[in-house]
Amino acid sequence: MLDPDLWLRQQLWQQLWKGPGAVSAYLSIPIPLVCAGLSPIISTDFEGPSLCILSITVLLSVLLILVDEIGSCRKHHLGLLRFSVTKSRSRIKKLAVTSDVDRIFNALWLNSELEFRFRSSRLHSFELMVQALDCLSRTASRYGRRGKKVFEVNRHPIVSAIQLFECLPFVDAEREFAKLLRARLEAMPEFDPEGWALRLVV
């Protein structure tokens, strides 16, 4: 599995390219860009205003992308974990799998104690659980209709981790997690006939 820090950087890049700031840039820049390109042909009087509008649009888009980056990295990357779980949840729903991912999703969005913990420090075990879910959901989605079986066969370490966090305080869960589940979550999916998981982490 990917190194957690490398995985977080990848999630950040995906968030910046697919987040609200990037989407607004994709939608708002093309028209001013075309107008700026055509203005010298139509009339030189429009060239200056067109370039000014294009510059303002690009600047606002960059600022929105920076806002996305700041929001994602606040509270020790809690925003990135939410972004990743939301994507995993979408992939799993497409596979028509009944999963426990909603419990992680609800914890990330609704658990005030978890949010308070992330304000002060990273929760490495929770990060690894989200990372394992991301890897498994991406691997399963590569198999199309057969992905349901891939997900169900490999889901047990993630389910065990969820149950651990639900039963114990975060400090105790972090300690028990290191002893019982870390190696299983870091391992590649056991059932992956075509080796997609390995390709995802190389």
N, C-alpha and C. Protein backbone atom coordinates (compact mmCIF):
# COMPACT_ATOMS: atom_id res chain seq x y z
N MET A 1 0.84 -1.19 0.00
CA MET A 1 0.00 0.00 0.00
C MET A 1 0.88 1.25 0.00
N LEU A 2 0.34 2.34 -0.50
CA LEU A 2 1.09 3.59 -0.55
C LEU A 2 1.52 4.06 0.82
N ASP A 3 2.64 4.76 0.85
CA ASP A 3 3.03 5.46 2.06
C ASP A 3 1.95 6.49 2.40
N PRO A 4 1.53 6.59 3.68
CA PRO A 4 0.43 7.50 4.04
C PRO A 4 0.66 8.94 3.60
N ASP A 5 1.88 9.45 3.74
CA ASP A 5 2.14 10.83 3.33
C ASP A 5 2.04 11.00 1.82
N LEU A 6 2.53 10.02 1.07
CA LEU A 6 2.42 10.07 -0.38
C LEU A 6 0.96 9.99 -0.80
N TRP A 7 0.21 9.13 -0.13
CA TRP A 7 -1.22 8.99 -0.43
C TRP A 7 -1.96 10.30 -0.17
N LEU A 8 -1.63 10.98 0.93
CA LEU A 8 -2.26 12.26 1.23
C LEU A 8 -1.95 13.30 0.16
N ARG A 9 -0.70 13.30 -0.32
CA ARG A 9 -0.35 14.25 -1.39
C ARG A 9 -1.15 13.96 -2.66
N GLN A 10 -1.33 12.68 -2.97
CA GLN A 10 -2.12 12.33 -4.14
C GLN A 10 -3.57 12.77 -3.97
N GLN A 11 -4.10 12.58 -2.77
CA GLN A 11 -5.47 13.02 -2.51
C GLN A 11 -5.59 14.53 -2.64
N LEU A 12 -4.57 15.24 -2.20
CA LEU A 12 -4.59 16.71 -2.29
C LEU A 12 -4.62 17.15 -3.76
N TRP A 13 -3.78 16.53 -4.58
CA TRP A 13 -3.77 16.89 -6.00
C TRP A 13 -5.12 16.60 -6.65
N GLN A 14 -5.71 15.46 -6.30
CA GLN A 14 -7.03 15.14 -6.86
C GLN A 14 -8.07 16.15 -6.41
N GLN A 15 -8.00 16.55 -5.14
CA GLN A 15 -8.95 17.53 -4.62
C GLN A 15 -8.78 18.87 -5.33
N LEU A 16 -7.53 19.28 -5.57
CA LEU A 16 -7.29 20.56 -6.23
C LEU A 16 -7.75 20.54 -7.68
N TRP A 17 -7.61 19.39 -8.35
CA TRP A 17 -8.01 19.30 -9.75
C TRP A 17 -9.50 19.07 -9.92
N LYS A 18 -10.17 18.54 -8.89
CA LYS A 18 -11.59 18.22 -9.02
C LYS A 18 -12.47 18.99 -8.05
N GLY A 19 -11.87 19.82 -7.20
CA GLY A 19 -12.62 20.56 -6.20
C GLY A 19 -13.38 21.74 -6.79
N PRO A 20 -14.14 22.46 -5.95
CA PRO A 20 -14.94 23.60 -6.43
C PRO A 20 -14.11 24.67 -7.13
N GLY A 21 -12.90 24.95 -6.62
CA GLY A 21 -12.06 25.97 -7.24
C GLY A 21 -11.67 25.59 -8.66
N ALA A 22 -11.28 24.33 -8.85
CA ALA A 22 -10.88 23.87 -10.19
C ALA A 22 -12.08 23.85 -11.13
N VAL A 23 -13.22 23.40 -10.64
CA VAL A 23 -14.42 23.36 -11.48
C VAL A 23 -14.81 24.77 -11.92
N SER A 24 -14.73 25.73 -11.00
CA SER A 24 -15.06 27.11 -11.37
C SER A 24 -14.08 27.65 -12.42
N ALA A 25 -12.80 27.23 -12.31
CA ALA A 25 -11.81 27.66 -13.31
C ALA A 25 -12.13 27.07 -14.68
N TYR A 26 -12.50 25.77 -14.71
CA TYR A 26 -12.82 25.13 -15.98
C TYR A 26 -14.02 25.81 -16.66
N LEU A 27 -14.97 26.27 -15.85
CA LEU A 27 -16.18 26.85 -16.41
C LEU A 27 -16.04 28.33 -16.76
N SER A 28 -15.20 29.05 -15.99
CA SER A 28 -15.17 30.50 -16.15
C SER A 28 -14.06 31.01 -17.06
N ILE A 29 -12.96 30.27 -17.20
CA ILE A 29 -11.82 30.77 -17.98
C ILE A 29 -12.01 30.67 -19.50
N PRO A 30 -12.61 29.60 -20.04
CA PRO A 30 -12.64 29.47 -21.51
C PRO A 30 -13.26 30.66 -22.25
N ILE A 31 -14.39 31.19 -21.78
CA ILE A 31 -15.05 32.29 -22.51
C ILE A 31 -14.18 33.55 -22.54
N PRO A 32 -13.65 34.03 -21.39
CA PRO A 32 -12.75 35.19 -21.46
C PRO A 32 -11.50 34.92 -22.29
N LEU A 33 -11.03 33.67 -22.29
CA LEU A 33 -9.85 33.32 -23.08
C LEU A 33 -10.14 33.44 -24.58
N VAL A 34 -11.30 32.94 -24.99
CA VAL A 34 -11.69 33.04 -26.40
C VAL A 34 -11.88 34.51 -26.79
N CYS A 35 -12.53 35.27 -25.90
CA CYS A 35 -12.76 36.70 -26.19
C CYS A 35 -11.43 37.45 -26.33
N ALA A 36 -10.47 37.11 -25.44
CA ALA A 36 -9.15 37.77 -25.52
C ALA A 36 -8.42 37.40 -26.80
N GLY A 37 -8.62 36.15 -27.26
CA GLY A 37 -7.97 35.73 -28.49
C GLY A 37 -8.59 36.37 -29.74
N LEU A 38 -9.90 36.61 -29.69
CA LEU A 38 -10.59 37.17 -30.85
C LEU A 38 -10.58 38.70 -30.89
N SER A 39 -10.33 39.33 -29.75
CA SER A 39 -10.42 40.79 -29.69
C SER A 39 -9.47 41.51 -30.64
N PRO A 40 -8.22 41.06 -30.84
CA PRO A 40 -7.37 41.76 -31.82
C PRO A 40 -7.89 41.66 -33.25
N ILE A 41 -8.62 40.56 -33.52
CA ILE A 41 -9.15 40.37 -34.88
C ILE A 41 -10.38 41.26 -35.10
N ILE A 42 -11.24 41.31 -34.07
CA ILE A 42 -12.48 42.07 -34.21
C ILE A 42 -12.22 43.57 -34.11
N SER A 43 -11.56 43.96 -33.01
CA SER A 43 -11.26 45.39 -32.81
C SER A 43 -10.20 45.51 -31.74
N THR A 44 -9.21 46.33 -31.98
CA THR A 44 -8.15 46.52 -30.99
C THR A 44 -8.66 47.24 -29.74
N ASP A 45 -9.82 47.89 -29.85
CA ASP A 45 -10.39 48.59 -28.68
C ASP A 45 -10.80 47.61 -27.58
N PHE A 46 -11.11 46.39 -28.00
CA PHE A 46 -11.55 45.39 -27.02
C PHE A 46 -10.40 44.58 -26.44
N GLU A 47 -9.20 44.74 -26.97
CA GLU A 47 -8.08 43.90 -26.55
C GLU A 47 -7.72 44.12 -25.09
N GLY A 48 -7.59 45.39 -24.66
CA GLY A 48 -7.24 45.69 -23.27
C GLY A 48 -8.27 45.21 -22.28
N PRO A 49 -9.57 45.56 -22.45
CA PRO A 49 -10.60 45.07 -21.52
C PRO A 49 -10.70 43.55 -21.48
N SER A 50 -10.53 42.90 -22.64
CA SER A 50 -10.62 41.43 -22.66
C SER A 50 -9.49 40.79 -21.86
N LEU A 51 -8.29 41.33 -22.02
CA LEU A 51 -7.15 40.80 -21.25
C LEU A 51 -7.33 41.06 -19.76
N CYS A 52 -7.91 42.21 -19.42
CA CYS A 52 -8.15 42.54 -18.02
C CYS A 52 -9.16 41.58 -17.39
N ILE A 53 -10.24 41.32 -18.12
CA ILE A 53 -11.25 40.38 -17.61
C ILE A 53 -10.66 38.97 -17.46
N LEU A 54 -9.86 38.55 -18.44
CA LEU A 54 -9.22 37.23 -18.37
C LEU A 54 -8.29 37.15 -17.16
N SER A 55 -7.51 38.20 -16.92
CA SER A 55 -6.58 38.20 -15.78
C SER A 55 -7.32 38.11 -14.46
N ILE A 56 -8.42 38.85 -14.34
CA ILE A 56 -9.22 38.83 -13.11
C ILE A 56 -9.82 37.44 -12.90
N THR A 57 -10.32 36.85 -13.98
CA THR A 57 -10.92 35.51 -13.88
C THR A 57 -9.89 34.48 -13.44
N VAL A 58 -8.70 34.53 -14.02
CA VAL A 58 -7.65 33.58 -13.65
C VAL A 58 -7.23 33.78 -12.19
N LEU A 59 -7.11 35.05 -11.77
CA LEU A 59 -6.72 35.34 -10.40
C LEU A 59 -7.75 34.82 -9.41
N LEU A 60 -9.04 35.03 -9.69
CA LEU A 60 -10.09 34.54 -8.80
C LEU A 60 -10.09 33.01 -8.74
N SER A 61 -9.83 32.37 -9.88
CA SER A 61 -9.80 30.91 -9.90
C SER A 61 -8.64 30.38 -9.06
N VAL A 62 -7.48 31.03 -9.17
CA VAL A 62 -6.32 30.63 -8.38
C VAL A 62 -6.62 30.80 -6.89
N LEU A 63 -7.27 31.90 -6.53
CA LEU A 63 -7.61 32.13 -5.13
C LEU A 63 -8.57 31.06 -4.62
N LEU A 64 -9.55 30.67 -5.44
CA LEU A 64 -10.49 29.63 -5.02
C LEU A 64 -9.78 28.29 -4.84
N ILE A 65 -8.81 27.99 -5.72
CA ILE A 65 -8.05 26.74 -5.58
C ILE A 65 -7.21 26.77 -4.31
N LEU A 66 -6.64 27.94 -3.98
CA LEU A 66 -5.88 28.06 -2.73
C LEU A 66 -6.80 27.87 -1.51
N VAL A 67 -8.02 28.38 -1.61
CA VAL A 67 -8.99 28.18 -0.52
C VAL A 67 -9.28 26.69 -0.35
N ASP A 68 -9.44 25.97 -1.48
CA ASP A 68 -9.64 24.52 -1.42
C ASP A 68 -8.46 23.83 -0.73
N GLU A 69 -7.24 24.26 -1.08
CA GLU A 69 -6.05 23.64 -0.49
C GLU A 69 -6.00 23.88 1.02
N ILE A 70 -6.27 25.11 1.43
CA ILE A 70 -6.24 25.43 2.86
C ILE A 70 -7.30 24.62 3.61
N GLY A 71 -8.51 24.56 3.02
CA GLY A 71 -9.58 23.80 3.66
C GLY A 71 -9.28 22.32 3.77
N SER A 72 -8.59 21.78 2.75
CA SER A 72 -8.26 20.35 2.77
C SER A 72 -7.19 20.02 3.79
N CYS A 73 -6.25 20.94 4.01
CA CYS A 73 -5.11 20.66 4.89
C CYS A 73 -5.35 21.06 6.34
N ARG A 74 -6.42 21.81 6.61
CA ARG A 74 -6.71 22.19 7.99
C ARG A 74 -7.04 20.95 8.82
N LYS A 75 -6.84 21.07 10.12
CA LYS A 75 -7.15 19.99 11.06
C LYS A 75 -6.46 18.69 10.66
N HIS A 76 -5.18 18.81 10.29
CA HIS A 76 -4.36 17.64 9.96
C HIS A 76 -5.01 16.79 8.87
N HIS A 77 -5.40 17.46 7.78
CA HIS A 77 -5.90 16.80 6.57
C HIS A 77 -7.26 16.14 6.75
N LEU A 78 -8.06 16.62 7.68
CA LEU A 78 -9.39 16.04 7.86
C LEU A 78 -10.24 16.22 6.59
N GLY A 79 -10.08 17.38 5.93
CA GLY A 79 -10.82 17.61 4.69
C GLY A 79 -10.48 16.61 3.60
N LEU A 80 -9.20 16.22 3.51
CA LEU A 80 -8.80 15.23 2.51
C LEU A 80 -9.40 13.86 2.82
N LEU A 81 -9.45 13.51 4.10
CA LEU A 81 -10.05 12.23 4.48
C LEU A 81 -11.53 12.20 4.13
N ARG A 82 -12.21 13.31 4.36
CA ARG A 82 -13.62 13.40 3.99
C ARG A 82 -13.80 13.27 2.48
N PHE A 83 -12.93 13.94 1.74
CA PHE A 83 -12.96 13.87 0.28
C PHE A 83 -12.76 12.44 -0.21
N SER A 84 -11.79 11.74 0.39
CA SER A 84 -11.49 10.37 -0.02
C SER A 84 -12.64 9.42 0.30
N VAL A 85 -13.21 9.55 1.50
CA VAL A 85 -14.31 8.66 1.89
C VAL A 85 -15.53 8.90 1.00
N THR A 86 -15.77 10.15 0.64
CA THR A 86 -16.90 10.45 -0.24
C THR A 86 -16.72 9.77 -1.59
N LYS A 87 -15.50 9.79 -2.13
CA LYS A 87 -15.23 9.12 -3.40
C LYS A 87 -15.39 7.60 -3.26
N SER A 88 -14.85 7.05 -2.18
CA SER A 88 -14.97 5.60 -1.96
C SER A 88 -16.43 5.19 -1.83
N ARG A 89 -17.19 6.01 -1.13
CA ARG A 89 -18.62 5.72 -0.96
C ARG A 89 -19.33 5.68 -2.30
N SER A 90 -18.98 6.61 -3.19
CA SER A 90 -19.59 6.65 -4.52
C SER A 90 -19.24 5.41 -5.33
N ARG A 91 -17.97 4.99 -5.26
CA ARG A 91 -17.56 3.79 -6.00
C ARG A 91 -18.29 2.55 -5.50
N ILE A 92 -18.41 2.44 -4.18
CA ILE A 92 -19.04 1.26 -3.58
C ILE A 92 -20.52 1.20 -3.93
N LYS A 93 -21.18 2.35 -3.96
CA LYS A 93 -22.60 2.36 -4.34
C LYS A 93 -22.79 1.88 -5.77
N LYS A 94 -21.84 2.23 -6.65
CA LYS A 94 -21.94 1.78 -8.04
C LYS A 94 -21.78 0.26 -8.15
N LEU A 95 -21.08 -0.33 -7.18
CA LEU A 95 -20.91 -1.79 -7.18
C LEU A 95 -22.10 -2.51 -6.57
N ALA A 96 -23.05 -1.73 -6.03
CA ALA A 96 -24.24 -2.30 -5.37
C ALA A 96 -23.86 -3.20 -4.21
N VAL A 97 -22.89 -2.72 -3.43
CA VAL A 97 -22.42 -3.47 -2.26
C VAL A 97 -22.99 -2.83 -1.00
N THR A 98 -23.50 -3.68 -0.10
CA THR A 98 -23.92 -3.20 1.21
C THR A 98 -22.68 -3.18 2.10
N SER A 99 -22.22 -1.98 2.45
CA SER A 99 -20.95 -1.88 3.17
C SER A 99 -21.10 -1.06 4.44
N ASP A 100 -19.99 -1.02 5.19
CA ASP A 100 -19.96 -0.24 6.42
C ASP A 100 -19.33 1.13 6.20
N VAL A 101 -19.17 1.53 4.94
CA VAL A 101 -18.49 2.79 4.67
C VAL A 101 -19.27 3.99 5.21
N ASP A 102 -20.60 3.86 5.30
CA ASP A 102 -21.38 4.96 5.84
C ASP A 102 -21.01 5.26 7.29
N ARG A 103 -20.55 4.24 8.00
CA ARG A 103 -20.14 4.47 9.39
C ARG A 103 -18.88 5.31 9.46
N ILE A 104 -17.95 5.10 8.52
CA ILE A 104 -16.77 5.96 8.46
C ILE A 104 -17.17 7.36 8.01
N PHE A 105 -18.03 7.41 7.00
CA PHE A 105 -18.49 8.71 6.47
C PHE A 105 -19.15 9.53 7.58
N ASN A 106 -20.04 8.91 8.34
CA ASN A 106 -20.74 9.62 9.41
C ASN A 106 -19.77 10.05 10.51
N ALA A 107 -18.78 9.20 10.78
CA ALA A 107 -17.80 9.57 11.82
C ALA A 107 -17.00 10.79 11.41
N LEU A 108 -16.59 10.85 10.13
CA LEU A 108 -15.78 11.97 9.66
C LEU A 108 -16.57 13.27 9.62
N TRP A 109 -17.87 13.19 9.35
CA TRP A 109 -18.66 14.40 9.19
C TRP A 109 -19.42 14.80 10.46
N LEU A 110 -19.77 13.82 11.31
CA LEU A 110 -20.69 14.11 12.41
C LEU A 110 -20.10 13.92 13.79
N ASN A 111 -18.97 13.24 13.90
CA ASN A 111 -18.40 12.96 15.21
C ASN A 111 -17.55 14.15 15.68
N SER A 112 -18.07 14.91 16.62
CA SER A 112 -17.35 16.11 17.10
C SER A 112 -16.08 15.74 17.85
N GLU A 113 -16.09 14.58 18.52
CA GLU A 113 -14.90 14.15 19.26
C GLU A 113 -13.76 13.84 18.30
N LEU A 114 -14.09 13.19 17.19
CA LEU A 114 -13.07 12.88 16.18
C LEU A 114 -12.52 14.17 15.57
N GLU A 115 -13.40 15.12 15.27
CA GLU A 115 -12.95 16.39 14.70
C GLU A 115 -12.05 17.14 15.68
N PHE A 116 -12.39 17.09 16.97
CA PHE A 116 -11.56 17.75 17.98
C PHE A 116 -10.19 17.09 18.05
N ARG A 117 -10.14 15.77 17.91
CA ARG A 117 -8.86 15.05 17.95
C ARG A 117 -7.98 15.46 16.78
N PHE A 118 -8.57 15.62 15.60
CA PHE A 118 -7.79 16.01 14.43
C PHE A 118 -7.30 17.45 14.52
N ARG A 119 -7.93 18.26 15.31
CA ARG A 119 -7.44 19.63 15.49
C ARG A 119 -6.07 19.65 16.16
N SER A 120 -5.85 18.70 17.05
CA SER A 120 -4.62 18.70 17.83
C SER A 120 -3.52 17.83 17.23
N SER A 121 -3.90 16.76 16.55
CA SER A 121 -2.87 15.86 16.00
C SER A 121 -3.49 14.93 14.98
N ARG A 122 -2.62 14.29 14.20
CA ARG A 122 -3.08 13.30 13.23
C ARG A 122 -3.49 12.02 13.96
N LEU A 123 -4.45 11.34 13.38
CA LEU A 123 -4.87 10.04 13.90
C LEU A 123 -4.48 9.01 12.83
N HIS A 124 -3.25 8.50 12.95
CA HIS A 124 -2.66 7.70 11.88
C HIS A 124 -3.49 6.45 11.58
N SER A 125 -4.04 5.84 12.60
CA SER A 125 -4.81 4.62 12.38
C SER A 125 -6.07 4.91 11.56
N PHE A 126 -6.72 6.03 11.83
CA PHE A 126 -7.91 6.38 11.07
C PHE A 126 -7.53 6.73 9.63
N GLU A 127 -6.41 7.41 9.45
CA GLU A 127 -5.92 7.71 8.10
C GLU A 127 -5.69 6.42 7.31
N LEU A 128 -5.07 5.44 7.97
CA LEU A 128 -4.76 4.19 7.30
C LEU A 128 -6.05 3.45 6.93
N MET A 129 -7.06 3.53 7.79
CA MET A 129 -8.34 2.88 7.50
C MET A 129 -8.99 3.51 6.26
N VAL A 130 -8.96 4.84 6.18
CA VAL A 130 -9.52 5.53 5.01
C VAL A 130 -8.72 5.21 3.76
N GLN A 131 -7.39 5.13 3.91
CA GLN A 131 -6.52 4.80 2.77
C GLN A 131 -6.81 3.38 2.28
N ALA A 132 -6.97 2.44 3.20
CA ALA A 132 -7.27 1.06 2.82
C ALA A 132 -8.61 0.97 2.09
N LEU A 133 -9.59 1.74 2.56
CA LEU A 133 -10.89 1.77 1.90
C LEU A 133 -10.79 2.36 0.50
N ASP A 134 -9.97 3.40 0.34
CA ASP A 134 -9.76 4.01 -0.97
C ASP A 134 -9.12 3.01 -1.94
N CYS A 135 -8.08 2.33 -1.47
CA CYS A 135 -7.39 1.35 -2.32
C CYS A 135 -8.33 0.21 -2.71
N LEU A 136 -9.09 -0.30 -1.74
CA LEU A 136 -9.98 -1.43 -2.04
C LEU A 136 -11.11 -1.02 -2.97
N SER A 137 -11.69 0.15 -2.75
CA SER A 137 -12.81 0.58 -3.60
C SER A 137 -12.32 0.86 -5.03
N ARG A 138 -11.11 1.43 -5.17
CA ARG A 138 -10.56 1.65 -6.52
C ARG A 138 -10.25 0.32 -7.20
N THR A 139 -9.69 -0.63 -6.43
CA THR A 139 -9.38 -1.95 -6.99
C THR A 139 -10.65 -2.65 -7.45
N ALA A 140 -11.67 -2.65 -6.59
CA ALA A 140 -12.92 -3.34 -6.92
C ALA A 140 -13.60 -2.70 -8.13
N SER A 141 -13.53 -1.38 -8.23
CA SER A 141 -14.20 -0.69 -9.34
C SER A 141 -13.58 -1.04 -10.69
N ARG A 142 -12.30 -1.46 -10.70
CA ARG A 142 -11.64 -1.84 -11.95
C ARG A 142 -12.22 -3.13 -12.54
N TYR A 143 -12.91 -3.93 -11.71
CA TYR A 143 -13.43 -5.21 -12.16
C TYR A 143 -14.85 -5.13 -12.71
N GLY A 144 -15.44 -3.94 -12.69
CA GLY A 144 -16.80 -3.81 -13.19
C GLY A 144 -17.78 -4.59 -12.34
N ARG A 145 -18.60 -5.43 -12.97
CA ARG A 145 -19.62 -6.18 -12.23
C ARG A 145 -19.00 -7.19 -11.27
N ARG A 146 -17.80 -7.68 -11.58
CA ARG A 146 -17.13 -8.63 -10.68
C ARG A 146 -16.54 -7.96 -9.45
N GLY A 147 -16.53 -6.61 -9.45
CA GLY A 147 -15.93 -5.88 -8.34
C GLY A 147 -16.63 -6.11 -7.02
N LYS A 148 -17.90 -6.46 -7.07
CA LYS A 148 -18.65 -6.71 -5.83
C LYS A 148 -18.01 -7.84 -5.03
N LYS A 149 -17.63 -8.91 -5.72
CA LYS A 149 -17.01 -10.05 -5.03
C LYS A 149 -15.64 -9.66 -4.48
N VAL A 150 -14.86 -8.89 -5.27
CA VAL A 150 -13.54 -8.45 -4.82
C VAL A 150 -13.66 -7.63 -3.54
N PHE A 151 -14.64 -6.74 -3.51
CA PHE A 151 -14.82 -5.90 -2.33
C PHE A 151 -15.24 -6.73 -1.12
N GLU A 152 -16.20 -7.61 -1.31
CA GLU A 152 -16.74 -8.38 -0.18
C GLU A 152 -15.71 -9.33 0.41
N VAL A 153 -14.87 -9.91 -0.44
CA VAL A 153 -13.85 -10.85 0.06
C VAL A 153 -12.78 -10.12 0.88
N ASN A 154 -12.47 -8.87 0.50
CA ASN A 154 -11.35 -8.15 1.13
C ASN A 154 -11.77 -7.12 2.18
N ARG A 155 -13.04 -7.06 2.50
CA ARG A 155 -13.52 -5.98 3.36
C ARG A 155 -13.28 -6.21 4.84
N HIS A 156 -12.98 -7.42 5.27
CA HIS A 156 -12.99 -7.76 6.69
C HIS A 156 -12.01 -6.95 7.55
N PRO A 157 -10.77 -6.67 7.10
CA PRO A 157 -9.89 -5.83 7.93
C PRO A 157 -10.45 -4.43 8.17
N ILE A 158 -11.11 -3.88 7.15
CA ILE A 158 -11.69 -2.54 7.29
C ILE A 158 -12.86 -2.58 8.26
N VAL A 159 -13.70 -3.61 8.16
CA VAL A 159 -14.83 -3.74 9.09
C VAL A 159 -14.32 -3.89 10.53
N SER A 160 -13.27 -4.66 10.70
CA SER A 160 -12.69 -4.84 12.04
C SER A 160 -12.18 -3.52 12.59
N ALA A 161 -11.54 -2.73 11.73
CA ALA A 161 -11.04 -1.42 12.17
C ALA A 161 -12.17 -0.50 12.56
N ILE A 162 -13.26 -0.51 11.80
CA ILE A 162 -14.42 0.32 12.13
C ILE A 162 -14.98 -0.07 13.49
N GLN A 163 -15.12 -1.37 13.72
CA GLN A 163 -15.66 -1.84 14.99
C GLN A 163 -14.75 -1.47 16.16
N LEU A 164 -13.44 -1.50 15.91
CA LEU A 164 -12.49 -1.13 16.96
C LEU A 164 -12.68 0.33 17.37
N PHE A 165 -12.84 1.20 16.39
CA PHE A 165 -13.01 2.62 16.69
C PHE A 165 -14.35 2.91 17.36
N GLU A 166 -15.34 2.10 17.05
CA GLU A 166 -16.65 2.32 17.65
C GLU A 166 -16.72 1.83 19.09
N CYS A 167 -15.87 0.88 19.44
CA CYS A 167 -15.94 0.27 20.77
C CYS A 167 -15.00 0.90 21.79
N LEU A 168 -13.91 1.55 21.32
CA LEU A 168 -12.90 2.05 22.23
C LEU A 168 -12.70 3.55 22.07
N PRO A 169 -12.23 4.22 23.14
CA PRO A 169 -11.80 5.62 22.98
C PRO A 169 -10.68 5.71 21.95
N PHE A 170 -10.54 6.88 21.35
CA PHE A 170 -9.58 7.01 20.25
C PHE A 170 -8.15 6.67 20.67
N VAL A 171 -7.76 7.07 21.88
CA VAL A 171 -6.39 6.79 22.34
C VAL A 171 -6.17 5.29 22.45
N ASP A 172 -7.12 4.58 23.04
CA ASP A 172 -6.99 3.13 23.18
C ASP A 172 -7.09 2.44 21.82
N ALA A 173 -7.99 2.95 20.96
CA ALA A 173 -8.14 2.35 19.65
C ALA A 173 -6.86 2.48 18.84
N GLU A 174 -6.19 3.62 18.97
CA GLU A 174 -4.94 3.83 18.25
C GLU A 174 -3.89 2.80 18.69
N ARG A 175 -3.82 2.54 19.98
CA ARG A 175 -2.84 1.59 20.50
C ARG A 175 -3.18 0.16 20.07
N GLU A 176 -4.44 -0.22 20.21
CA GLU A 176 -4.85 -1.57 19.81
C GLU A 176 -4.72 -1.77 18.31
N PHE A 177 -5.01 -0.71 17.59
CA PHE A 177 -4.92 -0.75 16.13
C PHE A 177 -3.51 -1.12 15.69
N ALA A 178 -2.54 -0.51 16.32
CA ALA A 178 -1.14 -0.76 15.96
C ALA A 178 -0.77 -2.23 16.17
N LYS A 179 -1.36 -2.85 17.19
CA LYS A 179 -1.02 -4.24 17.49
C LYS A 179 -1.79 -5.24 16.63
N LEU A 180 -3.06 -4.94 16.34
CA LEU A 180 -3.93 -5.96 15.76
C LEU A 180 -4.19 -5.80 14.27
N LEU A 181 -4.32 -4.58 13.79
CA LEU A 181 -4.87 -4.40 12.46
C LEU A 181 -3.94 -3.74 11.45
N ARG A 182 -2.90 -3.09 11.92
CA ARG A 182 -2.09 -2.31 11.00
C ARG A 182 -1.53 -3.14 9.85
N ALA A 183 -0.94 -4.29 10.16
CA ALA A 183 -0.34 -5.12 9.12
C ALA A 183 -1.38 -5.59 8.11
N ARG A 184 -2.59 -5.91 8.59
CA ARG A 184 -3.63 -6.41 7.69
C ARG A 184 -4.13 -5.30 6.76
N LEU A 185 -4.24 -4.08 7.28
CA LEU A 185 -4.72 -2.98 6.44
C LEU A 185 -3.65 -2.52 5.46
N GLU A 186 -2.38 -2.65 5.83
CA GLU A 186 -1.30 -2.23 4.93
C GLU A 186 -1.05 -3.24 3.82
N ALA A 187 -1.53 -4.47 4.01
CA ALA A 187 -1.31 -5.51 3.01
C ALA A 187 -2.19 -5.27 1.78
N MET A 188 -1.77 -5.84 0.66
CA MET A 188 -2.57 -5.79 -0.55
C MET A 188 -3.84 -6.63 -0.36
N PRO A 189 -4.91 -6.31 -1.12
CA PRO A 189 -6.10 -7.16 -1.05
C PRO A 189 -5.76 -8.62 -1.34
N GLU A 190 -6.32 -9.55 -0.56
CA GLU A 190 -6.00 -10.96 -0.72
C GLU A 190 -6.56 -11.50 -2.03
N PHE A 191 -7.76 -11.08 -2.39
CA PHE A 191 -8.39 -11.56 -3.62
C PHE A 191 -8.37 -10.44 -4.65
N ASP A 192 -7.43 -10.54 -5.58
CA ASP A 192 -7.26 -9.53 -6.63
C ASP A 192 -6.68 -10.24 -7.84
N PRO A 193 -7.51 -11.03 -8.57
CA PRO A 193 -7.00 -11.92 -9.62
C PRO A 193 -6.15 -11.23 -10.68
N GLU A 194 -6.48 -9.99 -11.02
CA GLU A 194 -5.76 -9.31 -12.10
C GLU A 194 -4.67 -8.37 -11.59
N GLY A 195 -4.49 -8.30 -10.28
CA GLY A 195 -3.41 -7.51 -9.72
C GLY A 195 -3.58 -6.00 -9.85
N TRP A 196 -4.82 -5.53 -9.83
CA TRP A 196 -5.05 -4.10 -10.00
C TRP A 196 -4.52 -3.29 -8.82
N ALA A 197 -4.58 -3.84 -7.61
CA ALA A 197 -4.12 -3.11 -6.43
C ALA A 197 -2.64 -2.75 -6.55
N LEU A 198 -1.84 -3.70 -7.06
CA LEU A 198 -0.42 -3.45 -7.22
C LEU A 198 -0.18 -2.32 -8.21
N ARG A 199 -0.95 -2.25 -9.28
CA ARG A 199 -0.79 -1.18 -10.27
C ARG A 199 -1.17 0.17 -9.70
N LEU A 200 -2.12 0.19 -8.77
CA LEU A 200 -2.56 1.45 -8.19
C LEU A 200 -1.51 2.07 -7.30
N VAL A 201 -0.64 1.27 -6.70
CA VAL A 201 0.33 1.80 -5.75
C VAL A 201 1.72 1.97 -6.33
N VAL A 202 1.95 1.49 -7.54
CA VAL A 202 3.27 1.61 -8.16
C VAL A 202 3.44 3.02 -8.72
